[in-house]
Amino acid sequence: WYRQAPGKQRRVVAVITSDDSPNYAESVKGRFTISKDNAKN
């Protein structure tokens, strides 16, 4: 997931790898959670 605020560059928010390892931007750590459901795509 990426985000772009008005007048700013797009920045990464959170990513998750194929083995379900997440990483977060410092600004959202502890507040946002990324997840995926491979069965539902």
ModelCIF file with pLDDT and N, C-alpha, C, O atoms, coordinates in Angstrom:
data_MODEL
#
_entry.id   MODEL 
#
_entity.id                         1 
_entity.type                       polymer 
_entity.pdbx_number_of_molecules   1 
#
_entity_poly.entity_id                      1 
_entity_poly.type                           'polypeptide(L)' 
_entity_poly.nstd_linkage                   no 
_entity_poly.nstd_monomer                   no 
_entity_poly.pdbx_seq_one_letter_code       WYRQAPGKQRRVVAVITSDDSPNYAESVKGRFTISKDNAKN 
_entity_poly.pdbx_seq_one_letter_code_can   WYRQAPGKQRRVVAVITSDDSPNYAESVKGRFTISKDNAKN 
_entity_poly.pdbx_strand_id                 A 
#
loop_
_entity_poly_seq.entity_id 
_entity_poly_seq.num 
_entity_poly_seq.mon_id 
_entity_poly_seq.hetero 
1 1  TRP n 
1 2  TYR n 
1 3  ARG n 
1 4  GLN n 
1 5  ALA n 
1 6  PRO n 
1 7  GLY n 
1 8  LYS n 
1 9  GLN n 
1 10 ARG n 
1 11 ARG n 
1 12 VAL n 
1 13 VAL n 
1 14 ALA n 
1 15 VAL n 
1 16 ILE n 
1 17 THR n 
1 18 SER n 
1 19 ASP n 
1 20 ASP n 
1 21 SER n 
1 22 PRO n 
1 23 ASN n 
1 24 TYR n 
1 25 ALA n 
1 26 GLU n 
1 27 SER n 
1 28 VAL n 
1 29 LYS n 
1 30 GLY n 
1 31 ARG n 
1 32 PHE n 
1 33 THR n 
1 34 ILE n 
1 35 SER n 
1 36 LYS n 
1 37 ASP n 
1 38 ASN n 
1 39 ALA n 
1 40 LYS n 
1 41 ASN n 
#
_struct_asym.id          A 
_struct_asym.entity_id   1 
#
loop_
_ma_qa_metric.id 
_ma_qa_metric.mode 
_ma_qa_metric.name 
_ma_qa_metric.software_group_id 
_ma_qa_metric.type 
1 global pLDDT . pLDDT 
2 local  pLDDT . pLDDT 
#
_ma_qa_metric_global.metric_id      1 
_ma_qa_metric_global.metric_value   97.10 
_ma_qa_metric_global.model_id       1 
_ma_qa_metric_global.ordinal_id     1 
#
loop_
_ma_qa_metric_local.label_asym_id 
_ma_qa_metric_local.label_comp_id 
_ma_qa_metric_local.label_seq_id 
_ma_qa_metric_local.metric_id 
_ma_qa_metric_local.metric_value 
_ma_qa_metric_local.model_id 
_ma_qa_metric_local.ordinal_id 
A TRP 1  2 98.00 1 1  
A TYR 2  2 98.00 1 2  
A ARG 3  2 98.00 1 3  
A GLN 4  2 98.00 1 4  
A ALA 5  2 96.00 1 5  
A PRO 6  2 91.00 1 6  
A GLY 7  2 94.00 1 7  
A LYS 8  2 96.00 1 8  
A GLN 9  2 97.00 1 9  
A ARG 10 2 97.00 1 10 
A ARG 11 2 98.00 1 11 
A VAL 12 2 98.00 1 12 
A VAL 13 2 98.00 1 13 
A ALA 14 2 98.00 1 14 
A VAL 15 2 98.00 1 15 
A ILE 16 2 98.00 1 16 
A THR 17 2 97.00 1 17 
A SER 18 2 96.00 1 18 
A ASP 19 2 95.00 1 19 
A ASP 20 2 95.00 1 20 
A SER 21 2 97.00 1 21 
A PRO 22 2 98.00 1 22 
A ASN 23 2 98.00 1 23 
A TYR 24 2 98.00 1 24 
A ALA 25 2 98.00 1 25 
A GLU 26 2 98.00 1 26 
A SER 27 2 97.00 1 27 
A VAL 28 2 98.00 1 28 
A LYS 29 2 98.00 1 29 
A GLY 30 2 97.00 1 30 
A ARG 31 2 98.00 1 31 
A PHE 32 2 98.00 1 32 
A THR 33 2 98.00 1 33 
A ILE 34 2 98.00 1 34 
A SER 35 2 98.00 1 35 
A LYS 36 2 97.00 1 36 
A ASP 37 2 97.00 1 37 
A ASN 38 2 96.00 1 38 
A ALA 39 2 96.00 1 39 
A LYS 40 2 97.00 1 40 
A ASN 41 2 97.00 1 41 
#
loop_
_atom_site.group_PDB 
_atom_site.id 
_atom_site.type_symbol 
_atom_site.label_atom_id 
_atom_site.label_alt_id 
_atom_site.label_comp_id 
_atom_site.label_asym_id 
_atom_site.label_entity_id 
_atom_site.label_seq_id 
_atom_site.pdbx_PDB_ins_code 
_atom_site.Cartn_x 
_atom_site.Cartn_y 
_atom_site.Cartn_z 
_atom_site.occupancy 
_atom_site.B_iso_or_equiv 
_atom_site.pdbx_formal_charge 
_atom_site.auth_seq_id 
_atom_site.auth_comp_id 
_atom_site.auth_asym_id 
_atom_site.auth_atom_id 
_atom_site.pdbx_PDB_model_num 
ATOM 1   N N  . TRP A 1 1  ? 0.853  -1.179  0.000  1.00 98.00 ? 1  TRP A N  1 
ATOM 2   C CA . TRP A 1 1  ? 0.000  0.000   0.000  1.00 98.00 ? 1  TRP A CA 1 
ATOM 3   C C  . TRP A 1 1  ? 0.896  1.238   0.000  1.00 98.00 ? 1  TRP A C  1 
ATOM 4   O O  . TRP A 1 1  ? 1.862  1.330   0.758  1.00 98.00 ? 1  TRP A O  1 
ATOM 5   N N  . TYR A 1 2  ? 0.551  2.178   -0.862 1.00 98.00 ? 2  TYR A N  1 
ATOM 6   C CA . TYR A 1 2  ? 1.248  3.449   -0.952 1.00 98.00 ? 2  TYR A CA 1 
ATOM 7   C C  . TYR A 1 2  ? 0.223  4.557   -0.786 1.00 98.00 ? 2  TYR A C  1 
ATOM 8   O O  . TYR A 1 2  ? -0.977 4.332   -0.940 1.00 98.00 ? 2  TYR A O  1 
ATOM 9   N N  . ARG A 1 3  ? 0.697  5.744   -0.474 1.00 98.00 ? 3  ARG A N  1 
ATOM 10  C CA . ARG A 1 3  ? -0.218 6.874   -0.394 1.00 98.00 ? 3  ARG A CA 1 
ATOM 11  C C  . ARG A 1 3  ? 0.435  8.130   -0.949 1.00 98.00 ? 3  ARG A C  1 
ATOM 12  O O  . ARG A 1 3  ? 1.651  8.311   -0.901 1.00 98.00 ? 3  ARG A O  1 
ATOM 13  N N  . GLN A 1 4  ? -0.428 8.990   -1.477 1.00 98.00 ? 4  GLN A N  1 
ATOM 14  C CA . GLN A 1 4  ? 0.028  10.262  -2.002 1.00 98.00 ? 4  GLN A CA 1 
ATOM 15  C C  . GLN A 1 4  ? -0.880 11.359  -1.496 1.00 98.00 ? 4  GLN A C  1 
ATOM 16  O O  . GLN A 1 4  ? -2.066 11.409  -1.820 1.00 98.00 ? 4  GLN A O  1 
ATOM 17  N N  . ALA A 1 5  ? -0.303 12.238  -0.696 1.00 96.00 ? 5  ALA A N  1 
ATOM 18  C CA . ALA A 1 5  ? -1.035 13.391  -0.186 1.00 96.00 ? 5  ALA A CA 1 
ATOM 19  C C  . ALA A 1 5  ? -0.940 14.518  -1.215 1.00 96.00 ? 5  ALA A C  1 
ATOM 20  O O  . ALA A 1 5  ? -0.030 14.525  -2.044 1.00 96.00 ? 5  ALA A O  1 
ATOM 21  N N  . PRO A 1 6  ? -1.873 15.465  -1.167 1.00 91.00 ? 6  PRO A N  1 
ATOM 22  C CA . PRO A 1 6  ? -1.860 16.571  -2.126 1.00 91.00 ? 6  PRO A CA 1 
ATOM 23  C C  . PRO A 1 6  ? -0.532 17.314  -2.112 1.00 91.00 ? 6  PRO A C  1 
ATOM 24  O O  . PRO A 1 6  ? -0.053 17.724  -1.055 1.00 91.00 ? 6  PRO A O  1 
ATOM 25  N N  . GLY A 1 7  ? 0.057  17.484  -3.289 1.00 94.00 ? 7  GLY A N  1 
ATOM 26  C CA . GLY A 1 7  ? 1.300  18.223  -3.403 1.00 94.00 ? 7  GLY A CA 1 
ATOM 27  C C  . GLY A 1 7  ? 2.538  17.487  -2.950 1.00 94.00 ? 7  GLY A C  1 
ATOM 28  O O  . GLY A 1 7  ? 3.622  18.065  -2.868 1.00 94.00 ? 7  GLY A O  1 
ATOM 29  N N  . LYS A 1 8  ? 2.375  16.196  -2.651 1.00 96.00 ? 8  LYS A N  1 
ATOM 30  C CA . LYS A 1 8  ? 3.520  15.412  -2.167 1.00 96.00 ? 8  LYS A CA 1 
ATOM 31  C C  . LYS A 1 8  ? 3.744  14.189  -3.041 1.00 96.00 ? 8  LYS A C  1 
ATOM 32  O O  . LYS A 1 8  ? 2.878  13.789  -3.818 1.00 96.00 ? 8  LYS A O  1 
ATOM 33  N N  . GLN A 1 9  ? 4.927  13.607  -2.893 1.00 97.00 ? 9  GLN A N  1 
ATOM 34  C CA . GLN A 1 9  ? 5.242  12.396  -3.636 1.00 97.00 ? 9  GLN A CA 1 
ATOM 35  C C  . GLN A 1 9  ? 4.555  11.186  -3.028 1.00 97.00 ? 9  GLN A C  1 
ATOM 36  O O  . GLN A 1 9  ? 4.251  11.156  -1.835 1.00 97.00 ? 9  GLN A O  1 
ATOM 37  N N  . ARG A 1 10 ? 4.319  10.196  -3.867 1.00 97.00 ? 10 ARG A N  1 
ATOM 38  C CA . ARG A 1 10 ? 3.765  8.941   -3.376 1.00 97.00 ? 10 ARG A CA 1 
ATOM 39  C C  . ARG A 1 10 ? 4.822  8.241   -2.516 1.00 97.00 ? 10 ARG A C  1 
ATOM 40  O O  . ARG A 1 10 ? 5.999  8.173   -2.871 1.00 97.00 ? 10 ARG A O  1 
ATOM 41  N N  . ARG A 1 11 ? 4.361  7.726   -1.380 1.00 98.00 ? 11 ARG A N  1 
ATOM 42  C CA . ARG A 1 11 ? 5.276  7.056   -0.447 1.00 98.00 ? 11 ARG A CA 1 
ATOM 43  C C  . ARG A 1 11 ? 4.691  5.718   -0.024 1.00 98.00 ? 11 ARG A C  1 
ATOM 44  O O  . ARG A 1 11 ? 3.477  5.520   0.007  1.00 98.00 ? 11 ARG A O  1 
ATOM 45  N N  . VAL A 1 12 ? 5.587  4.822   0.297  1.00 98.00 ? 12 VAL A N  1 
ATOM 46  C CA . VAL A 1 12 ? 5.152  3.506   0.749  1.00 98.00 ? 12 VAL A CA 1 
ATOM 47  C C  . VAL A 1 12 ? 4.569  3.624   2.161  1.00 98.00 ? 12 VAL A C  1 
ATOM 48  O O  . VAL A 1 12 ? 5.067  4.371   3.003  1.00 98.00 ? 12 VAL A O  1 
ATOM 49  N N  . VAL A 1 13 ? 3.515  2.874   2.382  1.00 98.00 ? 13 VAL A N  1 
ATOM 50  C CA . VAL A 1 13 ? 2.877  2.820   3.696  1.00 98.00 ? 13 VAL A CA 1 
ATOM 51  C C  . VAL A 1 13 ? 3.186  1.494   4.376  1.00 98.00 ? 13 VAL A C  1 
ATOM 52  O O  . VAL A 1 13 ? 3.629  1.450   5.524  1.00 98.00 ? 13 VAL A O  1 
ATOM 53  N N  . ALA A 1 14 ? 2.941  0.411   3.637  1.00 98.00 ? 14 ALA A N  1 
ATOM 54  C CA . ALA A 1 14 ? 3.166  -0.921  4.181  1.00 98.00 ? 14 ALA A CA 1 
ATOM 55  C C  . ALA A 1 14 ? 3.292  -1.900  3.028  1.00 98.00 ? 14 ALA A C  1 
ATOM 56  O O  . ALA A 1 14 ? 2.661  -1.736  1.985  1.00 98.00 ? 14 ALA A O  1 
ATOM 57  N N  . VAL A 1 15 ? 4.116  -2.920  3.230  1.00 98.00 ? 15 VAL A N  1 
ATOM 58  C CA . VAL A 1 15 ? 4.277  -3.976  2.238  1.00 98.00 ? 15 VAL A CA 1 
ATOM 59  C C  . VAL A 1 15 ? 4.241  -5.319  2.944  1.00 98.00 ? 15 VAL A C  1 
ATOM 60  O O  . VAL A 1 15 ? 4.508  -5.429  4.141  1.00 98.00 ? 15 VAL A O  1 
ATOM 61  N N  . ILE A 1 16 ? 3.906  -6.329  2.169  1.00 98.00 ? 16 ILE A N  1 
ATOM 62  C CA . ILE A 1 16 ? 3.904  -7.689  2.697  1.00 98.00 ? 16 ILE A CA 1 
ATOM 63  C C  . ILE A 1 16 ? 4.446  -8.611  1.622  1.00 98.00 ? 16 ILE A C  1 
ATOM 64  O O  . ILE A 1 16 ? 4.042  -8.536  0.462  1.00 98.00 ? 16 ILE A O  1 
ATOM 65  N N  . THR A 1 17 ? 5.362  -9.480  2.014  1.00 97.00 ? 17 THR A N  1 
ATOM 66  C CA . THR A 1 17 ? 6.014  -10.346 1.047  1.00 97.00 ? 17 THR A CA 1 
ATOM 67  C C  . THR A 1 17 ? 5.208  -11.621 0.811  1.00 97.00 ? 17 THR A C  1 
ATOM 68  O O  . THR A 1 17 ? 4.195  -11.869 1.466  1.00 97.00 ? 17 THR A O  1 
ATOM 69  N N  . SER A 1 18 ? 5.679  -12.417 -0.135 1.00 96.00 ? 18 SER A N  1 
ATOM 70  C CA . SER A 1 18 ? 4.976  -13.654 -0.464 1.00 96.00 ? 18 SER A CA 1 
ATOM 71  C C  . SER A 1 18 ? 4.970  -14.631 0.707  1.00 96.00 ? 18 SER A C  1 
ATOM 72  O O  . SER A 1 18 ? 4.106  -15.504 0.779  1.00 96.00 ? 18 SER A O  1 
ATOM 73  N N  . ASP A 1 19 ? 5.930  -14.490 1.627  1.00 95.00 ? 19 ASP A N  1 
ATOM 74  C CA . ASP A 1 19 ? 5.930  -15.347 2.823  1.00 95.00 ? 19 ASP A CA 1 
ATOM 75  C C  . ASP A 1 19 ? 5.315  -14.642 4.020  1.00 95.00 ? 19 ASP A C  1 
ATOM 76  O O  . ASP A 1 19 ? 5.573  -15.002 5.169  1.00 95.00 ? 19 ASP A O  1 
ATOM 77  N N  . ASP A 1 20 ? 4.488  -13.621 3.736  1.00 95.00 ? 20 ASP A N  1 
ATOM 78  C CA . ASP A 1 20 ? 3.693  -12.924 4.755  1.00 95.00 ? 20 ASP A CA 1 
ATOM 79  C C  . ASP A 1 20 ? 4.520  -12.146 5.765  1.00 95.00 ? 20 ASP A C  1 
ATOM 80  O O  . ASP A 1 20 ? 4.126  -12.017 6.923  1.00 95.00 ? 20 ASP A O  1 
ATOM 81  N N  . SER A 1 21 ? 5.641  -11.637 5.344  1.00 97.00 ? 21 SER A N  1 
ATOM 82  C CA . SER A 1 21 ? 6.454  -10.785 6.209  1.00 97.00 ? 21 SER A CA 1 
ATOM 83  C C  . SER A 1 21 ? 6.108  -9.324  5.938  1.00 97.00 ? 21 SER A C  1 
ATOM 84  O O  . SER A 1 21 ? 6.325  -8.838  4.828  1.00 97.00 ? 21 SER A O  1 
ATOM 85  N N  . PRO A 1 22 ? 5.571  -8.610  6.941  1.00 98.00 ? 22 PRO A N  1 
ATOM 86  C CA . PRO A 1 22 ? 5.179  -7.220  6.725  1.00 98.00 ? 22 PRO A CA 1 
ATOM 87  C C  . PRO A 1 22 ? 6.283  -6.234  7.090  1.00 98.00 ? 22 PRO A C  1 
ATOM 88  O O  . PRO A 1 22 ? 7.159  -6.519  7.907  1.00 98.00 ? 22 PRO A O  1 
ATOM 89  N N  . ASN A 1 23 ? 6.212  -5.075  6.462  1.00 98.00 ? 23 ASN A N  1 
ATOM 90  C CA . ASN A 1 23 ? 7.066  -3.951  6.830  1.00 98.00 ? 23 ASN A CA 1 
ATOM 91  C C  . ASN A 1 23 ? 6.252  -2.680  6.710  1.00 98.00 ? 23 ASN A C  1 
ATOM 92  O O  . ASN A 1 23 ? 5.384  -2.556  5.847  1.00 98.00 ? 23 ASN A O  1 
ATOM 93  N N  . TYR A 1 24 ? 6.550  -1.725  7.601  1.00 98.00 ? 24 TYR A N  1 
ATOM 94  C CA . TYR A 1 24 ? 5.748  -0.520  7.677  1.00 98.00 ? 24 TYR A CA 1 
ATOM 95  C C  . TYR A 1 24 ? 6.615  0.731   7.649  1.00 98.00 ? 24 TYR A C  1 
ATOM 96  O O  . TYR A 1 24 ? 7.763  0.728   8.093  1.00 98.00 ? 24 TYR A O  1 
ATOM 97  N N  . ALA A 1 25 ? 6.039  1.792   7.118  1.00 98.00 ? 25 ALA A N  1 
ATOM 98  C CA . ALA A 1 25 ? 6.665  3.098   7.250  1.00 98.00 ? 25 ALA A CA 1 
ATOM 99  C C  . ALA A 1 25 ? 6.641  3.477   8.733  1.00 98.00 ? 25 ALA A C  1 
ATOM 100 O O  . ALA A 1 25 ? 5.717  3.116   9.462  1.00 98.00 ? 25 ALA A O  1 
ATOM 101 N N  . GLU A 1 26 ? 7.653  4.198   9.159  1.00 98.00 ? 26 GLU A N  1 
ATOM 102 C CA . GLU A 1 26 ? 7.736  4.570   10.572 1.00 98.00 ? 26 GLU A CA 1 
ATOM 103 C C  . GLU A 1 26 ? 6.499  5.330   11.031 1.00 98.00 ? 26 GLU A C  1 
ATOM 104 O O  . GLU A 1 26 ? 6.066  5.190   12.175 1.00 98.00 ? 26 GLU A O  1 
ATOM 105 N N  . SER A 1 27 ? 5.941  6.126   10.147 1.00 97.00 ? 27 SER A N  1 
ATOM 106 C CA . SER A 1 27 ? 4.820  6.983   10.525 1.00 97.00 ? 27 SER A CA 1 
ATOM 107 C C  . SER A 1 27 ? 3.535  6.223   10.824 1.00 97.00 ? 27 SER A C  1 
ATOM 108 O O  . SER A 1 27 ? 2.612  6.780   11.420 1.00 97.00 ? 27 SER A O  1 
ATOM 109 N N  . VAL A 1 28 ? 3.463  4.950   10.415 1.00 98.00 ? 28 VAL A N  1 
ATOM 110 C CA . VAL A 1 28 ? 2.234  4.186   10.631 1.00 98.00 ? 28 VAL A CA 1 
ATOM 111 C C  . VAL A 1 28 ? 2.436  2.970   11.519 1.00 98.00 ? 28 VAL A C  1 
ATOM 112 O O  . VAL A 1 28 ? 1.475  2.265   11.826 1.00 98.00 ? 28 VAL A O  1 
ATOM 113 N N  . LYS A 1 29 ? 3.655  2.715   11.931 1.00 98.00 ? 29 LYS A N  1 
ATOM 114 C CA . LYS A 1 29 ? 3.922  1.557   12.787 1.00 98.00 ? 29 LYS A CA 1 
ATOM 115 C C  . LYS A 1 29 ? 3.088  1.623   14.053 1.00 98.00 ? 29 LYS A C  1 
ATOM 116 O O  . LYS A 1 29 ? 2.997  2.664   14.703 1.00 98.00 ? 29 LYS A O  1 
ATOM 117 N N  . GLY A 1 30 ? 2.480  0.494   14.391 1.00 97.00 ? 30 GLY A N  1 
ATOM 118 C CA . GLY A 1 30 ? 1.652  0.429   15.583 1.00 97.00 ? 30 GLY A CA 1 
ATOM 119 C C  . GLY A 1 30 ? 0.219  0.880   15.365 1.00 97.00 ? 30 GLY A C  1 
ATOM 120 O O  . GLY A 1 30 ? -0.632 0.687   16.232 1.00 97.00 ? 30 GLY A O  1 
ATOM 121 N N  . ARG A 1 31 ? -0.054 1.478   14.218 1.00 98.00 ? 31 ARG A N  1 
ATOM 122 C CA . ARG A 1 31 ? -1.415 1.944   13.922 1.00 98.00 ? 31 ARG A CA 1 
ATOM 123 C C  . ARG A 1 31 ? -2.031 1.201   12.741 1.00 98.00 ? 31 ARG A C  1 
ATOM 124 O O  . ARG A 1 31 ? -3.234 0.936   12.735 1.00 98.00 ? 31 ARG A O  1 
ATOM 125 N N  . PHE A 1 32 ? -1.220 0.864   11.748 1.00 98.00 ? 32 PHE A N  1 
ATOM 126 C CA . PHE A 1 32 ? -1.718 0.206   10.539 1.00 98.00 ? 32 PHE A CA 1 
ATOM 127 C C  . PHE A 1 32 ? -1.252 -1.254  10.526 1.00 98.00 ? 32 PHE A C  1 
ATOM 128 O O  . PHE A 1 32 ? -0.188 -1.592  11.045 1.00 98.00 ? 32 PHE A O  1 
ATOM 129 N N  . THR A 1 33 ? -2.074 -2.098  9.921  1.00 98.00 ? 33 THR A N  1 
ATOM 130 C CA . THR A 1 33 ? -1.732 -3.503  9.765  1.00 98.00 ? 33 THR A CA 1 
ATOM 131 C C  . THR A 1 33 ? -2.057 -3.945  8.349  1.00 98.00 ? 33 THR A C  1 
ATOM 132 O O  . THR A 1 33 ? -3.186 -3.791  7.882  1.00 98.00 ? 33 THR A O  1 
ATOM 133 N N  . ILE A 1 34 ? -1.057 -4.497  7.670  1.00 98.00 ? 34 ILE A N  1 
ATOM 134 C CA . ILE A 1 34 ? -1.279 -5.044  6.328  1.00 98.00 ? 34 ILE A CA 1 
ATOM 135 C C  . ILE A 1 34 ? -1.446 -6.549  6.435  1.00 98.00 ? 34 ILE A C  1 
ATOM 136 O O  . ILE A 1 34 ? -0.783 -7.211  7.234  1.00 98.00 ? 34 ILE A O  1 
ATOM 137 N N  . SER A 1 35 ? -2.340 -7.073  5.618  1.00 98.00 ? 35 SER A N  1 
ATOM 138 C CA . SER A 1 35 ? -2.546 -8.521  5.596  1.00 98.00 ? 35 SER A CA 1 
ATOM 139 C C  . SER A 1 35 ? -3.015 -8.915  4.210  1.00 98.00 ? 35 SER A C  1 
ATOM 140 O O  . SER A 1 35 ? -3.415 -8.066  3.413  1.00 98.00 ? 35 SER A O  1 
ATOM 141 N N  . LYS A 1 36 ? -2.965 -10.204 3.928  1.00 97.00 ? 36 LYS A N  1 
ATOM 142 C CA . LYS A 1 36 ? -3.468 -10.670 2.637  1.00 97.00 ? 36 LYS A CA 1 
ATOM 143 C C  . LYS A 1 36 ? -4.100 -12.029 2.773  1.00 97.00 ? 36 LYS A C  1 
ATOM 144 O O  . LYS A 1 36 ? -3.767 -12.808 3.667  1.00 97.00 ? 36 LYS A O  1 
ATOM 145 N N  . ASP A 1 37 ? -5.012 -12.299 1.877  1.00 97.00 ? 37 ASP A N  1 
ATOM 146 C CA . ASP A 1 37 ? -5.710 -13.583 1.824  1.00 97.00 ? 37 ASP A CA 1 
ATOM 147 C C  . ASP A 1 37 ? -5.461 -14.151 0.436  1.00 97.00 ? 37 ASP A C  1 
ATOM 148 O O  . ASP A 1 37 ? -6.109 -13.759 -0.534 1.00 97.00 ? 37 ASP A O  1 
ATOM 149 N N  . ASN A 1 38 ? -4.522 -15.073 0.352  1.00 96.00 ? 38 ASN A N  1 
ATOM 150 C CA . ASN A 1 38 ? -4.163 -15.622 -0.959 1.00 96.00 ? 38 ASN A CA 1 
ATOM 151 C C  . ASN A 1 38 ? -5.330 -16.366 -1.608 1.00 96.00 ? 38 ASN A C  1 
ATOM 152 O O  . ASN A 1 38 ? -5.468 -16.371 -2.831 1.00 96.00 ? 38 ASN A O  1 
ATOM 153 N N  . ALA A 1 39 ? -6.150 -16.983 -0.796 1.00 96.00 ? 39 ALA A N  1 
ATOM 154 C CA . ALA A 1 39 ? -7.275 -17.751 -1.349 1.00 96.00 ? 39 ALA A CA 1 
ATOM 155 C C  . ALA A 1 39 ? -8.288 -16.835 -2.039 1.00 96.00 ? 39 ALA A C  1 
ATOM 156 O O  . ALA A 1 39 ? -8.929 -17.230 -3.014 1.00 96.00 ? 39 ALA A O  1 
ATOM 157 N N  . LYS A 1 40 ? -8.424 -15.626 -1.532 1.00 97.00 ? 40 LYS A N  1 
ATOM 158 C CA . LYS A 1 40 ? -9.374 -14.664 -2.095 1.00 97.00 ? 40 LYS A CA 1 
ATOM 159 C C  . LYS A 1 40 ? -8.702 -13.637 -2.999 1.00 97.00 ? 40 LYS A C  1 
ATOM 160 O O  . LYS A 1 40 ? -9.384 -12.799 -3.590 1.00 97.00 ? 40 LYS A O  1 
ATOM 161 N N  . ASN A 1 41 ? -7.393 -13.688 -3.115 1.00 97.00 ? 41 ASN A N  1 
ATOM 162 C CA . ASN A 1 41 ? -6.634 -12.706 -3.901 1.00 97.00 ? 41 ASN A CA 1 
ATOM 163 C C  . ASN A 1 41 ? -6.904 -11.283 -3.422 1.00 97.00 ? 41 ASN A C  1 
ATOM 164 O O  . ASN A 1 41 ? -6.348 -10.331 -3.971 1.00 97.00 ? 41 ASN A O  1 
#
